[in-house]
Amino acid sequence: MFLHKTLPIHEVRVENPDPVFAEKLLEQYGGATGELSAALTYLTQSYHTDDPAIRDMLQDIGTEELGHLEMIALLIEQHTKRASGGFAGQGLSKHALRHSRSWPASCRFEGHNLGFALCQRRRSRGA
């Protein structure tokens, strides 16, 4: 169960909008190692464990990642809200997210080996 509060975790305020930077944030929002992927990885992995403490921990982490997703979304909105002209002229192309280079869902591990999944997650983040 999720409870939504009307305020983000941290205030997000952009003073100098930059649509080109907003394009880079799109990767952090929904890319292969972005916040959405992280949230789904932790939440999905939580459904594959029988240990209630580990399940709670993974769901807490996944929920925290959803909070990060919200902050990235607010940043993208503020960087593009007051942009003049079309996005193509501002640096945002028709397919801004990875410029049509999609990532396969196979990079998300959903098996039952929690240790392996956490190691994979660390590797994808460059840790």
C-alpha atoms as a PDB file:
ATOM      1  CA  MET A   1       0.000   0.000   0.000  1.00  0.00           C
ATOM      2  CA  PHE A   2       1.268   3.462  -0.834  1.00  0.00           C
ATOM      3  CA  LEU A   3       0.325   6.734   0.766  1.00  0.00           C
ATOM      4  CA  HIS A   4       0.861   9.866  -1.287  1.00  0.00           C
ATOM      5  CA  LYS A   5       1.635  13.179   0.371  1.00  0.00           C
ATOM      6  CA  THR A   6       0.982  16.305  -1.649  1.00  0.00           C
ATOM      7  CA  LEU A   7       4.474  17.672  -1.016  1.00  0.00           C
ATOM      8  CA  PRO A   8       7.639  16.211  -2.554  1.00  0.00           C
ATOM      9  CA  ILE A   9      10.374  14.853  -0.275  1.00  0.00           C
ATOM     10  CA  HIS A  10      12.513  17.918  -0.974  1.00  0.00           C
ATOM     11  CA  GLU A  11      11.619  21.245  -2.546  1.00  0.00           C
ATOM     12  CA  VAL A  12      12.644  21.383  -6.192  1.00  0.00           C
ATOM     13  CA  ARG A  13      13.335  24.845  -7.592  1.00  0.00           C
ATOM     14  CA  VAL A  14      15.056  25.608 -10.895  1.00  0.00           C
ATOM     15  CA  GLU A  15      16.150  29.216 -11.326  1.00  0.00           C
ATOM     16  CA  ASN A  16      17.744  28.937 -14.783  1.00  0.00           C
ATOM     17  CA  PRO A  17      15.769  26.521 -16.995  1.00  0.00           C
ATOM     18  CA  ASP A  18      17.891  24.493 -19.387  1.00  0.00           C
ATOM     19  CA  PRO A  19      15.998  22.204 -21.818  1.00  0.00           C
ATOM     20  CA  VAL A  20      19.252  20.498 -22.832  1.00  0.00           C
ATOM     21  CA  PHE A  21      19.839  19.494 -19.209  1.00  0.00           C
ATOM     22  CA  ALA A  22      16.194  18.348 -19.040  1.00  0.00           C
ATOM     23  CA  GLU A  23      16.977  15.951 -21.886  1.00  0.00           C
ATOM     24  CA  LYS A  24      19.806  14.449 -19.850  1.00  0.00           C
ATOM     25  CA  LEU A  25      17.473  14.085 -16.871  1.00  0.00           C
ATOM     26  CA  LEU A  26      15.116  11.947 -18.972  1.00  0.00           C
ATOM     27  CA  GLU A  27      17.689   9.162 -18.865  1.00  0.00           C
ATOM     28  CA  GLN A  28      17.834   9.371 -15.067  1.00  0.00           C
ATOM     29  CA  TYR A  29      14.036   9.301 -14.971  1.00  0.00           C
ATOM     30  CA  GLY A  30      13.288   6.302 -17.166  1.00  0.00           C
ATOM     31  CA  GLY A  31      16.538   4.886 -18.511  1.00  0.00           C
ATOM     32  CA  ALA A  32      18.098   1.511 -17.820  1.00  0.00           C
ATOM     33  CA  THR A  33      19.725   2.705 -14.586  1.00  0.00           C
ATOM     34  CA  GLY A  34      17.194   5.426 -13.797  1.00  0.00           C
ATOM     35  CA  GLU A  35      14.848   5.864 -10.871  1.00  0.00           C
ATOM     36  CA  LEU A  36      11.905   4.064 -12.485  1.00  0.00           C
ATOM     37  CA  SER A  37      14.014   0.988 -13.206  1.00  0.00           C
ATOM     38  CA  ALA A  38      15.418   1.051  -9.681  1.00  0.00           C
ATOM     39  CA  ALA A  39      11.974   1.316  -8.086  1.00  0.00           C
ATOM     40  CA  LEU A  40      10.574  -1.523 -10.174  1.00  0.00           C
ATOM     41  CA  THR A  41      13.617  -3.706  -9.519  1.00  0.00           C
ATOM     42  CA  TYR A  42      13.390  -3.364  -5.737  1.00  0.00           C
ATOM     43  CA  LEU A  43       9.598  -3.732  -5.640  1.00  0.00           C
ATOM     44  CA  THR A  44       9.614  -6.761  -7.941  1.00  0.00           C
ATOM     45  CA  GLN A  45      12.412  -8.407  -5.986  1.00  0.00           C
ATOM     46  CA  SER A  46      10.435  -7.904  -2.768  1.00  0.00           C
ATOM     47  CA  TYR A  47       7.697 -10.160  -4.145  1.00  0.00           C
ATOM     48  CA  HIS A  48      10.209 -13.007  -4.579  1.00  0.00           C
ATOM     49  CA  THR A  49      11.342 -13.356  -0.975  1.00  0.00           C
ATOM     50  CA  ASP A  50       9.709 -15.207   1.880  1.00  0.00           C
ATOM     51  CA  ASP A  51      11.540 -13.254   4.587  1.00  0.00           C
ATOM     52  CA  PRO A  52       9.225 -10.469   5.864  1.00  0.00           C
ATOM     53  CA  ALA A  53      12.139  -8.288   7.040  1.00  0.00           C
ATOM     54  CA  ILE A  54      13.865  -8.431   3.654  1.00  0.00           C
ATOM     55  CA  ARG A  55      10.547  -7.859   1.867  1.00  0.00           C
ATOM     56  CA  ASP A  56       9.895  -4.752   3.992  1.00  0.00           C
ATOM     57  CA  MET A  57      13.418  -3.448   3.383  1.00  0.00           C
ATOM     58  CA  LEU A  58      13.143  -3.897  -0.400  1.00  0.00           C
ATOM     59  CA  GLN A  59       9.713  -2.265  -0.461  1.00  0.00           C
ATOM     60  CA  ASP A  60      11.029   0.672   1.582  1.00  0.00           C
ATOM     61  CA  ILE A  61      13.910   1.113  -0.866  1.00  0.00           C
ATOM     62  CA  GLY A  62      11.584   0.817  -3.876  1.00  0.00           C
ATOM     63  CA  THR A  63       9.249   3.395  -2.376  1.00  0.00           C
ATOM     64  CA  GLU A  64      12.177   5.751  -1.756  1.00  0.00           C
ATOM     65  CA  GLU A  65      13.149   5.364  -5.420  1.00  0.00           C
ATOM     66  CA  LEU A  66       9.610   6.469  -6.369  1.00  0.00           C
ATOM     67  CA  GLY A  67      10.249   9.637  -4.353  1.00  0.00           C
ATOM     68  CA  HIS A  68      13.427  10.191  -6.373  1.00  0.00           C
ATOM     69  CA  LEU A  69      11.390   9.665  -9.550  1.00  0.00           C
ATOM     70  CA  GLU A  70       9.034  12.428  -8.445  1.00  0.00           C
ATOM     71  CA  MET A  71      11.916  14.856  -7.858  1.00  0.00           C
ATOM     72  CA  ILE A  72      13.434  14.112 -11.278  1.00  0.00           C
ATOM     73  CA  ALA A  73      10.013  14.650 -12.900  1.00  0.00           C
ATOM     74  CA  LEU A  74       9.669  18.025 -11.173  1.00  0.00           C
ATOM     75  CA  LEU A  75      13.157  19.010 -12.347  1.00  0.00           C
ATOM     76  CA  ILE A  76      12.336  18.069 -15.945  1.00  0.00           C
ATOM     77  CA  GLU A  77       9.095  20.023 -15.798  1.00  0.00           C
ATOM     78  CA  GLN A  78      10.769  23.125 -14.410  1.00  0.00           C
ATOM     79  CA  HIS A  79      13.611  22.966 -16.934  1.00  0.00           C
ATOM     80  CA  THR A  80      11.133  22.828 -19.839  1.00  0.00           C
ATOM     81  CA  LYS A  81       8.131  24.805 -18.556  1.00  0.00           C
ATOM     82  CA  ARG A  82       9.364  28.251 -19.559  1.00  0.00           C
ATOM     83  CA  ALA A  83      11.435  27.180 -22.549  1.00  0.00           C
ATOM     84  CA  SER A  84      10.809  29.304 -25.607  1.00  0.00           C
ATOM     85  CA  GLY A  85      10.183  27.776 -29.011  1.00  0.00           C
ATOM     86  CA  GLY A  86       9.981  24.110 -29.906  1.00  0.00           C
ATOM     87  CA  PHE A  87      11.972  21.549 -27.998  1.00  0.00           C
ATOM     88  CA  ALA A  88      13.856  20.503 -31.153  1.00  0.00           C
ATOM     89  CA  GLY A  89      15.335  23.996 -31.312  1.00  0.00           C
ATOM     90  CA  GLN A  90      16.216  23.837 -27.620  1.00  0.00           C
ATOM     91  CA  GLY A  91      18.096  20.559 -27.747  1.00  0.00           C
ATOM     92  CA  LEU A  92      15.245  18.114 -27.216  1.00  0.00           C
ATOM     93  CA  SER A  93      14.870  15.921 -30.242  1.00  0.00           C
ATOM     94  CA  LYS A  94      11.821  13.930 -31.290  1.00  0.00           C
ATOM     95  CA  HIS A  95      13.026  10.866 -29.382  1.00  0.00           C
ATOM     96  CA  ALA A  96      14.961  12.450 -26.544  1.00  0.00           C
ATOM     97  CA  LEU A  97      15.252   9.386 -24.364  1.00  0.00           C
ATOM     98  CA  ARG A  98      18.463   7.694 -25.522  1.00  0.00           C
ATOM     99  CA  HIS A  99      17.707   8.822 -29.073  1.00  0.00           C
ATOM    100  CA  SER A 100      15.960   5.588 -30.078  1.00  0.00           C
ATOM    101  CA  ARG A 101      18.584   3.340 -28.442  1.00  0.00           C
ATOM    102  CA  SER A 102      16.258   1.336 -26.266  1.00  0.00           C
ATOM    103  CA  TRP A 103      17.342  -0.867 -23.392  1.00  0.00           C
ATOM    104  CA  PRO A 104      16.166  -4.458 -23.074  1.00  0.00           C
ATOM    105  CA  ALA A 105      14.003  -5.523 -20.153  1.00  0.00           C
ATOM    106  CA  SER A 106      16.395  -8.434 -19.690  1.00  0.00           C
ATOM    107  CA  CYS A 107      18.682  -6.109 -17.736  1.00  0.00           C
ATOM    108  CA  ARG A 108      16.153  -6.256 -14.880  1.00  0.00           C
ATOM    109  CA  PHE A 109      16.645  -9.317 -12.707  1.00  0.00           C
ATOM    110  CA  GLU A 110      13.464 -10.823 -11.263  1.00  0.00           C
ATOM    111  CA  GLY A 111      14.654 -14.206 -10.056  1.00  0.00           C
ATOM    112  CA  HIS A 112      14.700 -15.680  -6.592  1.00  0.00           C
ATOM    113  CA  ASN A 113      18.399 -15.167  -5.786  1.00  0.00           C
ATOM    114  CA  LEU A 114      18.367 -11.931  -3.781  1.00  0.00           C
ATOM    115  CA  GLY A 115      22.153 -11.774  -3.348  1.00  0.00           C
ATOM    116  CA  PHE A 116      22.707 -12.025  -7.089  1.00  0.00           C
ATOM    117  CA  ALA A 117      20.046  -9.381  -7.751  1.00  0.00           C
ATOM    118  CA  LEU A 118      21.623  -6.908  -5.342  1.00  0.00           C
ATOM    119  CA  CYS A 119      25.073  -7.475  -6.878  1.00  0.00           C
ATOM    120  CA  GLN A 120      23.613  -6.880 -10.347  1.00  0.00           C
ATOM    121  CA  ARG A 121      22.018  -3.658  -9.107  1.00  0.00           C
ATOM    122  CA  ARG A 122      25.336  -2.433  -7.700  1.00  0.00           C
ATOM    123  CA  ARG A 123      27.099  -3.188 -10.990  1.00  0.00           C
ATOM    124  CA  SER A 124      24.473  -1.302 -13.007  1.00  0.00           C
ATOM    125  CA  ARG A 125      24.991   1.761 -10.825  1.00  0.00           C
ATOM    126  CA  GLY A 126      28.763   1.595 -11.198  1.00  0.00           C
ATOM    127  CA  ALA A 127      29.336   0.870  -7.497  1.00  0.00           C
END
